[in-house]
Amino acid sequence: MPSNHISAREIGNTTSDSNGNFGYMFTPEVPGKYQIIARFNGSASYGSSSATTYMGVAEAPQATPTPTPPPPAMTDTYVLGIGAGAIIAIIVVGIVLMLMLRKR
């Protein structure tokens, strides 16, 4: 059941532009419906005035954790091992052939 609790607080002061429009940045602490009231108390030249608007604030989405990368597949490890072994075997055979040809 929605709460009809109304609490008011001043969030700051702002100045209107040449068209009489105003704006103010703030971060609401609680999600929900907000009524925003701007009041001008008046001056020696202008009478008092006020304006009201409403805005809704949604709850911020939860941060999603960064997924951890999967470990390399075992087939990748085997292929690398076999490839390294084949290269070493070729080098050994080449050295043996070189030594045999030198002895002749």
PDB file of N, CA and C in Angstrom:
ATOM      1  N   MET A   1       0.847  -1.170   0.000  1.00  0.00           N
ATOM      2  CA  MET A   1       0.000   0.000   0.000  1.00  0.00           C
ATOM      3  C   MET A   1       0.897   1.239   0.000  1.00  0.00           C
ATOM      4  N   PRO A   2       0.698   2.171  -0.928  1.00  0.00           N
ATOM      5  CA  PRO A   2       1.553   3.354  -0.994  1.00  0.00           C
ATOM      6  C   PRO A   2       1.395   4.239   0.231  1.00  0.00           C
ATOM      7  N   SER A   3       2.469   4.844   0.587  1.00  0.00           N
ATOM      8  CA  SER A   3       2.475   5.734   1.736  1.00  0.00           C
ATOM      9  C   SER A   3       2.079   7.140   1.306  1.00  0.00           C
ATOM     10  N   ASN A   4       1.270   7.797   2.098  1.00  0.00           N
ATOM     11  CA  ASN A   4       0.888   9.181   1.822  1.00  0.00           C
ATOM     12  C   ASN A   4       1.743  10.145   2.630  1.00  0.00           C
ATOM     13  N   HIS A   5       2.835   9.627   3.158  1.00  0.00           N
ATOM     14  CA  HIS A   5       3.723  10.449   3.970  1.00  0.00           C
ATOM     15  C   HIS A   5       4.380  11.517   3.097  1.00  0.00           C
ATOM     16  N   ILE A   6       4.271  12.739   3.508  1.00  0.00           N
ATOM     17  CA  ILE A   6       4.863  13.854   2.773  1.00  0.00           C
ATOM     18  C   ILE A   6       5.930  14.469   3.655  1.00  0.00           C
ATOM     19  N   SER A   7       7.116  14.570   3.108  1.00  0.00           N
ATOM     20  CA  SER A   7       8.163  15.279   3.823  1.00  0.00           C
ATOM     21  C   SER A   7       8.741  16.302   2.860  1.00  0.00           C
ATOM     22  N   ALA A   8       8.979  17.473   3.350  1.00  0.00           N
ATOM     23  CA  ALA A   8       9.509  18.547   2.510  1.00  0.00           C
ATOM     24  C   ALA A   8      10.881  18.932   3.008  1.00  0.00           C
ATOM     25  N   ARG A   9      11.727  19.278   2.069  1.00  0.00           N
ATOM     26  CA  ARG A   9      13.037  19.797   2.440  1.00  0.00           C
ATOM     27  C   ARG A   9      13.546  20.667   1.302  1.00  0.00           C
ATOM     28  N   GLU A  10      14.318  21.638   1.677  1.00  0.00           N
ATOM     29  CA  GLU A  10      14.915  22.528   0.684  1.00  0.00           C
ATOM     30  C   GLU A  10      16.141  21.836   0.123  1.00  0.00           C
ATOM     31  N   ILE A  11      16.239  21.806  -1.219  1.00  0.00           N
ATOM     32  CA  ILE A  11      17.395  21.156  -1.847  1.00  0.00           C
ATOM     33  C   ILE A  11      18.389  22.167  -2.396  1.00  0.00           C
ATOM     34  N   GLY A  12      18.012  23.445  -2.479  1.00  0.00           N
ATOM     35  CA  GLY A  12      18.965  24.436  -2.955  1.00  0.00           C
ATOM     36  C   GLY A  12      18.290  25.646  -3.557  1.00  0.00           C
ATOM     37  N   ASN A  13      19.099  26.534  -4.084  1.00  0.00           N
ATOM     38  CA  ASN A  13      18.618  27.759  -4.721  1.00  0.00           C
ATOM     39  C   ASN A  13      19.109  27.801  -6.158  1.00  0.00           C
ATOM     40  N   THR A  14      18.334  28.408  -7.016  1.00  0.00           N
ATOM     41  CA  THR A  14      18.705  28.541  -8.421  1.00  0.00           C
ATOM     42  C   THR A  14      18.228  29.889  -8.944  1.00  0.00           C
ATOM     43  N   THR A  15      18.645  30.236 -10.135  1.00  0.00           N
ATOM     44  CA  THR A  15      18.251  31.488 -10.771  1.00  0.00           C
ATOM     45  C   THR A  15      17.554  31.157 -12.081  1.00  0.00           C
ATOM     46  N   SER A  16      16.517  31.871 -12.402  1.00  0.00           N
ATOM     47  CA  SER A  16      15.808  31.619 -13.654  1.00  0.00           C
ATOM     48  C   SER A  16      16.553  32.263 -14.815  1.00  0.00           C
ATOM     49  N   ASP A  17      16.288  31.739 -16.012  1.00  0.00           N
ATOM     50  CA  ASP A  17      16.892  32.334 -17.199  1.00  0.00           C
ATOM     51  C   ASP A  17      16.025  33.497 -17.691  1.00  0.00           C
ATOM     52  N   SER A  18      16.342  34.049 -18.847  1.00  0.00           N
ATOM     53  CA  SER A  18      15.622  35.227 -19.350  1.00  0.00           C
ATOM     54  C   SER A  18      14.165  34.926 -19.704  1.00  0.00           C
ATOM     55  N   ASN A  19      13.823  33.642 -19.859  1.00  0.00           N
ATOM     56  CA  ASN A  19      12.440  33.258 -20.146  1.00  0.00           C
ATOM     57  C   ASN A  19      11.669  32.888 -18.879  1.00  0.00           C
ATOM     58  N   GLY A  20      12.317  32.957 -17.728  1.00  0.00           N
ATOM     59  CA  GLY A  20      11.652  32.617 -16.478  1.00  0.00           C
ATOM     60  C   GLY A  20      11.728  31.141 -16.136  1.00  0.00           C
ATOM     61  N   ASN A  21      12.488  30.364 -16.911  1.00  0.00           N
ATOM     62  CA  ASN A  21      12.645  28.934 -16.635  1.00  0.00           C
ATOM     63  C   ASN A  21      13.812  28.728 -15.676  1.00  0.00           C
ATOM     64  N   PHE A  22      13.722  27.662 -14.905  1.00  0.00           N
ATOM     65  CA  PHE A  22      14.770  27.379 -13.942  1.00  0.00           C
ATOM     66  C   PHE A  22      15.100  25.899 -13.974  1.00  0.00           C
ATOM     67  N   GLY A  23      16.245  25.561 -13.459  1.00  0.00           N
ATOM     68  CA  GLY A  23      16.659  24.164 -13.355  1.00  0.00           C
ATOM     69  C   GLY A  23      17.621  24.017 -12.201  1.00  0.00           C
ATOM     70  N   TYR A  24      17.692  22.804 -11.680  1.00  0.00           N
ATOM     71  CA  TYR A  24      18.588  22.525 -10.554  1.00  0.00           C
ATOM     72  C   TYR A  24      18.911  21.034 -10.566  1.00  0.00           C
ATOM     73  N   MET A  25      20.173  20.681 -10.454  1.00  0.00           N
ATOM     74  CA  MET A  25      20.592  19.278 -10.439  1.00  0.00           C
ATOM     75  C   MET A  25      20.677  18.792  -8.989  1.00  0.00           C
ATOM     76  N   PHE A  26      20.098  17.622  -8.735  1.00  0.00           N
ATOM     77  CA  PHE A  26      20.253  16.981  -7.431  1.00  0.00           C
ATOM     78  C   PHE A  26      20.037  15.486  -7.600  1.00  0.00           C
ATOM     79  N   THR A  27      20.524  14.725  -6.652  1.00  0.00           N
ATOM     80  CA  THR A  27      20.376  13.274  -6.677  1.00  0.00           C
ATOM     81  C   THR A  27      19.469  12.862  -5.531  1.00  0.00           C
ATOM     82  N   PRO A  28      18.263  12.399  -5.849  1.00  0.00           N
ATOM     83  CA  PRO A  28      17.362  11.943  -4.786  1.00  0.00           C
ATOM     84  C   PRO A  28      17.944  10.723  -4.066  1.00  0.00           C
ATOM     85  N   GLU A  29      17.701  10.638  -2.779  1.00  0.00           N
ATOM     86  CA  GLU A  29      18.235   9.544  -1.977  1.00  0.00           C
ATOM     87  C   GLU A  29      17.345   8.304  -2.005  1.00  0.00           C
ATOM     88  N   VAL A  30      16.063   8.494  -2.283  1.00  0.00           N
ATOM     89  CA  VAL A  30      15.099   7.405  -2.220  1.00  0.00           C
ATOM     90  C   VAL A  30      14.289   7.399  -3.513  1.00  0.00           C
ATOM     91  N   PRO A  31      14.071   6.225  -4.133  1.00  0.00           N
ATOM     92  CA  PRO A  31      13.222   6.183  -5.321  1.00  0.00           C
ATOM     93  C   PRO A  31      11.773   6.504  -4.957  1.00  0.00           C
ATOM     94  N   GLY A  32      11.024   7.014  -5.927  1.00  0.00           N
ATOM     95  CA  GLY A  32       9.619   7.313  -5.701  1.00  0.00           C
ATOM     96  C   GLY A  32       9.179   8.537  -6.490  1.00  0.00           C
ATOM     97  N   LYS A  33       7.987   9.030  -6.163  1.00  0.00           N
ATOM     98  CA  LYS A  33       7.407  10.203  -6.820  1.00  0.00           C
ATOM     99  C   LYS A  33       7.776  11.446  -6.015  1.00  0.00           C
ATOM    100  N   TYR A  34       8.264  12.447  -6.717  1.00  0.00           N
ATOM    101  CA  TYR A  34       8.660  13.691  -6.074  1.00  0.00           C
ATOM    102  C   TYR A  34       7.851  14.853  -6.643  1.00  0.00           C
ATOM    103  N   GLN A  35       7.377  15.718  -5.763  1.00  0.00           N
ATOM    104  CA  GLN A  35       6.757  16.976  -6.170  1.00  0.00           C
ATOM    105  C   GLN A  35       7.802  18.061  -5.930  1.00  0.00           C
ATOM    106  N   ILE A  36       8.066  18.832  -6.971  1.00  0.00           N
ATOM    107  CA  ILE A  36       9.070  19.886  -6.871  1.00  0.00           C
ATOM    108  C   ILE A  36       8.355  21.226  -6.954  1.00  0.00           C
ATOM    109  N   ILE A  37       8.581  22.053  -5.950  1.00  0.00           N
ATOM    110  CA  ILE A  37       7.942  23.369  -5.878  1.00  0.00           C
ATOM    111  C   ILE A  37       9.028  24.432  -5.898  1.00  0.00           C
ATOM    112  N   ALA A  38       8.906  25.376  -6.814  1.00  0.00           N
ATOM    113  CA  ALA A  38       9.831  26.518  -6.865  1.00  0.00           C
ATOM    114  C   ALA A  38       9.052  27.751  -6.421  1.00  0.00           C
ATOM    115  N   ARG A  39       9.637  28.496  -5.523  1.00  0.00           N
ATOM    116  CA  ARG A  39       8.962  29.694  -5.008  1.00  0.00           C
ATOM    117  C   ARG A  39       9.856  30.914  -5.200  1.00  0.00           C
ATOM    118  N   PHE A  40       9.218  32.006  -5.611  1.00  0.00           N
ATOM    119  CA  PHE A  40       9.898  33.304  -5.686  1.00  0.00           C
ATOM    120  C   PHE A  40       9.167  34.222  -4.719  1.00  0.00           C
ATOM    121  N   ASN A  41       9.889  34.708  -3.725  1.00  0.00           N
ATOM    122  CA  ASN A  41       9.253  35.522  -2.686  1.00  0.00           C
ATOM    123  C   ASN A  41       8.867  36.918  -3.157  1.00  0.00           C
ATOM    124  N   GLY A  42       9.338  37.310  -4.301  1.00  0.00           N
ATOM    125  CA  GLY A  42       9.027  38.641  -4.805  1.00  0.00           C
ATOM    126  C   GLY A  42      10.142  39.618  -4.487  1.00  0.00           C
ATOM    127  N   SER A  43      10.039  40.789  -5.082  1.00  0.00           N
ATOM    128  CA  SER A  43      11.041  41.834  -4.855  1.00  0.00           C
ATOM    129  C   SER A  43      10.330  43.184  -4.941  1.00  0.00           C
ATOM    130  N   ALA A  44      11.080  44.249  -4.919  1.00  0.00           N
ATOM    131  CA  ALA A  44      10.491  45.586  -5.040  1.00  0.00           C
ATOM    132  C   ALA A  44       9.863  45.768  -6.419  1.00  0.00           C
ATOM    133  N   SER A  45      10.361  45.018  -7.429  1.00  0.00           N
ATOM    134  CA  SER A  45       9.873  45.177  -8.804  1.00  0.00           C
ATOM    135  C   SER A  45       8.859  44.119  -9.223  1.00  0.00           C
ATOM    136  N   TYR A  46       8.922  42.927  -8.623  1.00  0.00           N
ATOM    137  CA  TYR A  46       8.075  41.812  -9.055  1.00  0.00           C
ATOM    138  C   TYR A  46       7.336  41.217  -7.863  1.00  0.00           C
ATOM    139  N   GLY A  47       6.134  40.731  -8.134  1.00  0.00           N
ATOM    140  CA  GLY A  47       5.361  40.058  -7.092  1.00  0.00           C
ATOM    141  C   GLY A  47       5.851  38.628  -6.902  1.00  0.00           C
ATOM    142  N   SER A  48       5.398  37.971  -5.872  1.00  0.00           N
ATOM    143  CA  SER A  48       5.811  36.587  -5.611  1.00  0.00           C
ATOM    144  C   SER A  48       5.153  35.648  -6.614  1.00  0.00           C
ATOM    145  N   SER A  49       5.767  34.486  -6.806  1.00  0.00           N
ATOM    146  CA  SER A  49       5.205  33.465  -7.696  1.00  0.00           C
ATOM    147  C   SER A  49       5.744  32.109  -7.282  1.00  0.00           C
ATOM    148  N   SER A  50       5.133  31.067  -7.834  1.00  0.00           N
ATOM    149  CA  SER A  50       5.610  29.700  -7.584  1.00  0.00           C
ATOM    150  C   SER A  50       5.254  28.836  -8.778  1.00  0.00           C
ATOM    151  N   ALA A  51       5.924  27.712  -8.888  1.00  0.00           N
ATOM    152  CA  ALA A  51       5.658  26.726  -9.936  1.00  0.00           C
ATOM    153  C   ALA A  51       5.843  25.347  -9.322  1.00  0.00           C
ATOM    154  N   THR A  52       5.073  24.376  -9.819  1.00  0.00           N
ATOM    155  CA  THR A  52       5.143  23.011  -9.311  1.00  0.00           C
ATOM    156  C   THR A  52       5.267  22.044 -10.471  1.00  0.00           C
ATOM    157  N   THR A  53       6.047  20.994 -10.276  1.00  0.00           N
ATOM    158  CA  THR A  53       6.133  19.892 -11.236  1.00  0.00           C
ATOM    159  C   THR A  53       6.368  18.608 -10.466  1.00  0.00           C
ATOM    160  N   TYR A  54       6.259  17.496 -11.140  1.00  0.00           N
ATOM    161  CA  TYR A  54       6.469  16.190 -10.520  1.00  0.00           C
ATOM    162  C   TYR A  54       7.511  15.424 -11.319  1.00  0.00           C
ATOM    163  N   MET A  55       8.199  14.535 -10.639  1.00  0.00           N
ATOM    164  CA  MET A  55       9.114  13.634 -11.329  1.00  0.00           C
ATOM    165  C   MET A  55       9.151  12.313 -10.579  1.00  0.00           C
ATOM    166  N   GLY A  56       9.435  11.270 -11.312  1.00  0.00           N
ATOM    167  CA  GLY A  56       9.567   9.946 -10.715  1.00  0.00           C
ATOM    168  C   GLY A  56      11.022   9.521 -10.740  1.00  0.00           C
ATOM    169  N   VAL A  57      11.458   8.895  -9.660  1.00  0.00           N
ATOM    170  CA  VAL A  57      12.829   8.409  -9.566  1.00  0.00           C
ATOM    171  C   VAL A  57      12.769   6.898  -9.391  1.00  0.00           C
ATOM    172  N   ALA A  58      13.365   6.181 -10.353  1.00  0.00           N
ATOM    173  CA  ALA A  58      13.410   4.721 -10.274  1.00  0.00           C
ATOM    174  C   ALA A  58      14.635   4.288  -9.501  1.00  0.00           C
ATOM    175  N   GLU A  59      14.574   3.092  -8.961  1.00  0.00           N
ATOM    176  CA  GLU A  59      15.723   2.546  -8.243  1.00  0.00           C
ATOM    177  C   GLU A  59      16.829   2.262  -9.244  1.00  0.00           C
ATOM    178  N   ALA A  60      18.046   2.589  -8.884  1.00  0.00           N
ATOM    179  CA  ALA A  60      19.191   2.370  -9.775  1.00  0.00           C
ATOM    180  C   ALA A  60      19.388   0.881  -9.988  1.00  0.00           C
ATOM    181  N   PRO A  61      19.716   0.485 -11.229  1.00  0.00           N
ATOM    182  CA  PRO A  61      19.953  -0.941 -11.467  1.00  0.00           C
ATOM    183  C   PRO A  61      21.209  -1.404 -10.751  1.00  0.00           C
ATOM    184  N   GLN A  62      21.194  -2.665 -10.347  1.00  0.00           N
ATOM    185  CA  GLN A  62      22.348  -3.246  -9.659  1.00  0.00           C
ATOM    186  C   GLN A  62      23.488  -3.434 -10.658  1.00  0.00           C
ATOM    187  N   ALA A  63      24.687  -3.205 -10.216  1.00  0.00           N
ATOM    188  CA  ALA A  63      25.850  -3.401 -11.082  1.00  0.00           C
ATOM    189  C   ALA A  63      26.020  -4.891 -11.348  1.00  0.00           C
ATOM    190  N   THR A  64      26.254  -5.223 -12.607  1.00  0.00           N
ATOM    191  CA  THR A  64      26.466  -6.625 -12.956  1.00  0.00           C
ATOM    192  C   THR A  64      27.952  -6.936 -12.838  1.00  0.00           C
ATOM    193  N   PRO A  65      28.287  -8.038 -12.192  1.00  0.00           N
ATOM    194  CA  PRO A  65      29.706  -8.381 -12.050  1.00  0.00           C
ATOM    195  C   PRO A  65      30.312  -8.730 -13.405  1.00  0.00           C
ATOM    196  N   THR A  66      31.578  -8.420 -13.560  1.00  0.00           N
ATOM    197  CA  THR A  66      32.287  -8.751 -14.793  1.00  0.00           C
ATOM    198  C   THR A  66      32.512 -10.253 -14.832  1.00  0.00           C
ATOM    199  N   PRO A  67      32.073 -10.893 -15.921  1.00  0.00           N
ATOM    200  CA  PRO A  67      32.256 -12.349 -15.982  1.00  0.00           C
ATOM    201  C   PRO A  67      33.740 -12.705 -16.099  1.00  0.00           C
ATOM    202  N   THR A  68      34.104 -13.817 -15.464  1.00  0.00           N
ATOM    203  CA  THR A  68      35.492 -14.268 -15.568  1.00  0.00           C
ATOM    204  C   THR A  68      35.643 -15.063 -16.856  1.00  0.00           C
ATOM    205  N   PRO A  69      36.738 -14.859 -17.574  1.00  0.00           N
ATOM    206  CA  PRO A  69      36.899 -15.598 -18.833  1.00  0.00           C
ATOM    207  C   PRO A  69      37.068 -17.087 -18.561  1.00  0.00           C
ATOM    208  N   PRO A  70      36.541 -17.922 -19.435  1.00  0.00           N
ATOM    209  CA  PRO A  70      36.671 -19.366 -19.212  1.00  0.00           C
ATOM    210  C   PRO A  70      38.133 -19.790 -19.392  1.00  0.00           C
ATOM    211  N   PRO A  71      38.542 -20.848 -18.703  1.00  0.00           N
ATOM    212  CA  PRO A  71      39.921 -21.334 -18.873  1.00  0.00           C
ATOM    213  C   PRO A  71      40.096 -21.880 -20.289  1.00  0.00           C
ATOM    214  N   PRO A  72      41.321 -21.892 -20.795  1.00  0.00           N
ATOM    215  CA  PRO A  72      41.528 -22.413 -22.149  1.00  0.00           C
ATOM    216  C   PRO A  72      41.120 -23.883 -22.212  1.00  0.00           C
ATOM    217  N   ALA A  73      40.622 -24.275 -23.350  1.00  0.00           N
ATOM    218  CA  ALA A  73      40.175 -25.655 -23.528  1.00  0.00           C
ATOM    219  C   ALA A  73      41.386 -26.586 -23.475  1.00  0.00           C
ATOM    220  N   MET A  74      41.177 -27.784 -22.992  1.00  0.00           N
ATOM    221  CA  MET A  74      42.273 -28.751 -22.889  1.00  0.00           C
ATOM    222  C   MET A  74      42.827 -29.090 -24.268  1.00  0.00           C
ATOM    223  N   THR A  75      41.983 -29.060 -25.296  1.00  0.00           N
ATOM    224  CA  THR A  75      42.476 -29.360 -26.645  1.00  0.00           C
ATOM    225  C   THR A  75      43.512 -28.325 -27.071  1.00  0.00           C
ATOM    226  N   ASP A  76      43.329 -27.068 -26.659  1.00  0.00           N
ATOM    227  CA  ASP A  76      44.325 -26.041 -26.981  1.00  0.00           C
ATOM    228  C   ASP A  76      45.657 -26.386 -26.334  1.00  0.00           C
ATOM    229  N   THR A  77      45.608 -26.846 -25.103  1.00  0.00           N
ATOM    230  CA  THR A  77      46.834 -27.207 -24.384  1.00  0.00           C
ATOM    231  C   THR A  77      47.528 -28.379 -25.082  1.00  0.00           C
ATOM    232  N   TYR A  78      46.754 -29.390 -25.497  1.00  0.00           N
ATOM    233  CA  TYR A  78      47.328 -30.549 -26.189  1.00  0.00           C
ATOM    234  C   TYR A  78      47.940 -30.145 -27.523  1.00  0.00           C
ATOM    235  N   VAL A  79      47.239 -29.302 -28.275  1.00  0.00           N
ATOM    236  CA  VAL A  79      47.742 -28.885 -29.588  1.00  0.00           C
ATOM    237  C   VAL A  79      49.050 -28.125 -29.420  1.00  0.00           C
ATOM    238  N   LEU A  80      49.105 -27.233 -28.422  1.00  0.00           N
ATOM    239  CA  LEU A  80      50.347 -26.493 -28.183  1.00  0.00           C
ATOM    240  C   LEU A  80      51.481 -27.437 -27.783  1.00  0.00           C
ATOM    241  N   GLY A  81      51.185 -28.392 -26.936  1.00  0.00           N
ATOM    242  CA  GLY A  81      52.204 -29.363 -26.499  1.00  0.00           C
ATOM    243  C   GLY A  81      52.707 -30.211 -27.652  1.00  0.00           C
ATOM    244  N   ILE A  82      51.803 -30.714 -28.478  1.00  0.00           N
ATOM    245  CA  ILE A  82      52.187 -31.541 -29.628  1.00  0.00           C
ATOM    246  C   ILE A  82      52.993 -30.708 -30.623  1.00  0.00           C
ATOM    247  N   GLY A  83      52.555 -29.455 -30.847  1.00  0.00           N
ATOM    248  CA  GLY A  83      53.279 -28.579 -31.773  1.00  0.00           C
ATOM    249  C   GLY A  83      54.694 -28.305 -31.291  1.00  0.00           C
ATOM    250  N   ALA A  84      54.837 -28.008 -29.997  1.00  0.00           N
ATOM    251  CA  ALA A  84      56.171 -27.746 -29.437  1.00  0.00           C
ATOM    252  C   ALA A  84      57.029 -29.012 -29.522  1.00  0.00           C
ATOM    253  N   GLY A  85      56.449 -30.162 -29.236  1.00  0.00           N
ATOM    254  CA  GLY A  85      57.185 -31.437 -29.316  1.00  0.00           C
ATOM    255  C   GLY A  85      57.642 -31.726 -30.734  1.00  0.00           C
ATOM    256  N   ALA A  86      56.775 -31.459 -31.723  1.00  0.00           N
ATOM    257  CA  ALA A  86      57.130 -31.697 -33.121  1.00  0.00           C
ATOM    258  C   ALA A  86      58.282 -30.794 -33.544  1.00  0.00           C
ATOM    259  N   ILE A  87      58.247 -29.528 -33.133  1.00  0.00           N
ATOM    260  CA  ILE A  87      59.328 -28.593 -33.484  1.00  0.00           C
ATOM    261  C   ILE A  87      60.649 -29.061 -32.864  1.00  0.00           C
ATOM    262  N   ILE A  88      60.611 -29.481 -31.612  1.00  0.00           N
ATOM    263  CA  ILE A  88      61.824 -29.974 -30.945  1.00  0.00           C
ATOM    264  C   ILE A  88      62.348 -31.221 -31.657  1.00  0.00           C
ATOM    265  N   ALA A  89      61.435 -32.135 -32.041  1.00  0.00           N
ATOM    266  CA  ALA A  89      61.850 -33.356 -32.736  1.00  0.00           C
ATOM    267  C   ALA A  89      62.505 -33.013 -34.065  1.00  0.00           C
ATOM    268  N   ILE A  90      61.974 -32.061 -34.810  1.00  0.00           N
ATOM    269  CA  ILE A  90      62.551 -31.656 -36.095  1.00  0.00           C
ATOM    270  C   ILE A  90      63.951 -31.085 -35.882  1.00  0.00           C
ATOM    271  N   ILE A  91      64.113 -30.274 -34.831  1.00  0.00           N
ATOM    272  CA  ILE A  91      65.424 -29.688 -34.540  1.00  0.00           C
ATOM    273  C   ILE A  91      66.425 -30.785 -34.196  1.00  0.00           C
ATOM    274  N   VAL A  92      66.030 -31.751 -33.369  1.00  0.00           N
ATOM    275  CA  VAL A  92      66.919 -32.849 -32.973  1.00  0.00           C
ATOM    276  C   VAL A  92      67.309 -33.668 -34.202  1.00  0.00           C
ATOM    277  N   VAL A  93      66.353 -33.996 -35.049  1.00  0.00           N
ATOM    278  CA  VAL A  93      66.646 -34.772 -36.263  1.00  0.00           C
ATOM    279  C   VAL A  93      67.595 -33.972 -37.155  1.00  0.00           C
ATOM    280  N   GLY A  94      67.379 -32.665 -37.267  1.00  0.00           N
ATOM    281  CA  GLY A  94      68.272 -31.829 -38.077  1.00  0.00           C
ATOM    282  C   GLY A  94      69.686 -31.833 -37.541  1.00  0.00           C
ATOM    283  N   ILE A  95      69.849 -31.743 -36.233  1.00  0.00           N
ATOM    284  CA  ILE A  95      71.185 -31.755 -35.617  1.00  0.00           C
ATOM    285  C   ILE A  95      71.855 -33.107 -35.854  1.00  0.00           C
ATOM    286  N   VAL A  96      71.112 -34.206 -35.690  1.00  0.00           N
ATOM    287  CA  VAL A  96      71.671 -35.555 -35.908  1.00  0.00           C
ATOM    288  C   VAL A  96      72.111 -35.702 -37.354  1.00  0.00           C
ATOM    289  N   LEU A  97      71.286 -35.236 -38.292  1.00  0.00           N
ATOM    290  CA  LEU A  97      71.661 -35.328 -39.712  1.00  0.00           C
ATOM    291  C   LEU A  97      72.902 -34.488 -39.999  1.00  0.00           C
ATOM    292  N   MET A  98      72.985 -33.308 -39.412  1.00  0.00           N
ATOM    293  CA  MET A  98      74.152 -32.451 -39.608  1.00  0.00           C
ATOM    294  C   MET A  98      75.406 -33.142 -39.085  1.00  0.00           C
ATOM    295  N   LEU A  99      75.339 -33.756 -37.918  1.00  0.00           N
ATOM    296  CA  LEU A  99      76.487 -34.440 -37.352  1.00  0.00           C
ATOM    297  C   LEU A  99      76.901 -35.635 -38.202  1.00  0.00           C
ATOM    298  N   MET A 100      75.932 -36.366 -38.740  1.00  0.00           N
ATOM    299  CA  MET A 100      76.227 -37.516 -39.575  1.00  0.00           C
ATOM    300  C   MET A 100      76.894 -37.070 -40.879  1.00  0.00           C
ATOM    301  N   LEU A 101      76.461 -35.974 -41.450  1.00  0.00           N
ATOM    302  CA  LEU A 101      77.047 -35.502 -42.707  1.00  0.00           C
ATOM    303  C   LEU A 101      78.457 -34.951 -42.467  1.00  0.00           C
ATOM    304  N   ARG A 102      78.759 -34.402 -41.321  1.00  0.00           N
ATOM    305  CA  ARG A 102      80.095 -33.890 -40.995  1.00  0.00           C
ATOM    306  C   ARG A 102      81.111 -35.034 -40.872  1.00  0.00           C
ATOM    307  N   LYS A 103      80.665 -36.167 -40.334  1.00  0.00           N
ATOM    308  CA  LYS A 103      81.566 -37.285 -40.120  1.00  0.00           C
ATOM    309  C   LYS A 103      81.969 -37.928 -41.433  1.00  0.00           C
ATOM    310  N   ARG A 104      81.285 -37.755 -42.477  1.00  0.00           N
ATOM    311  CA  ARG A 104      81.603 -38.375 -43.757  1.00  0.00           C
ATOM    312  C   ARG A 104      82.726 -37.707 -44.383  1.00  0.00           C
TER     313      ARG A 104
END
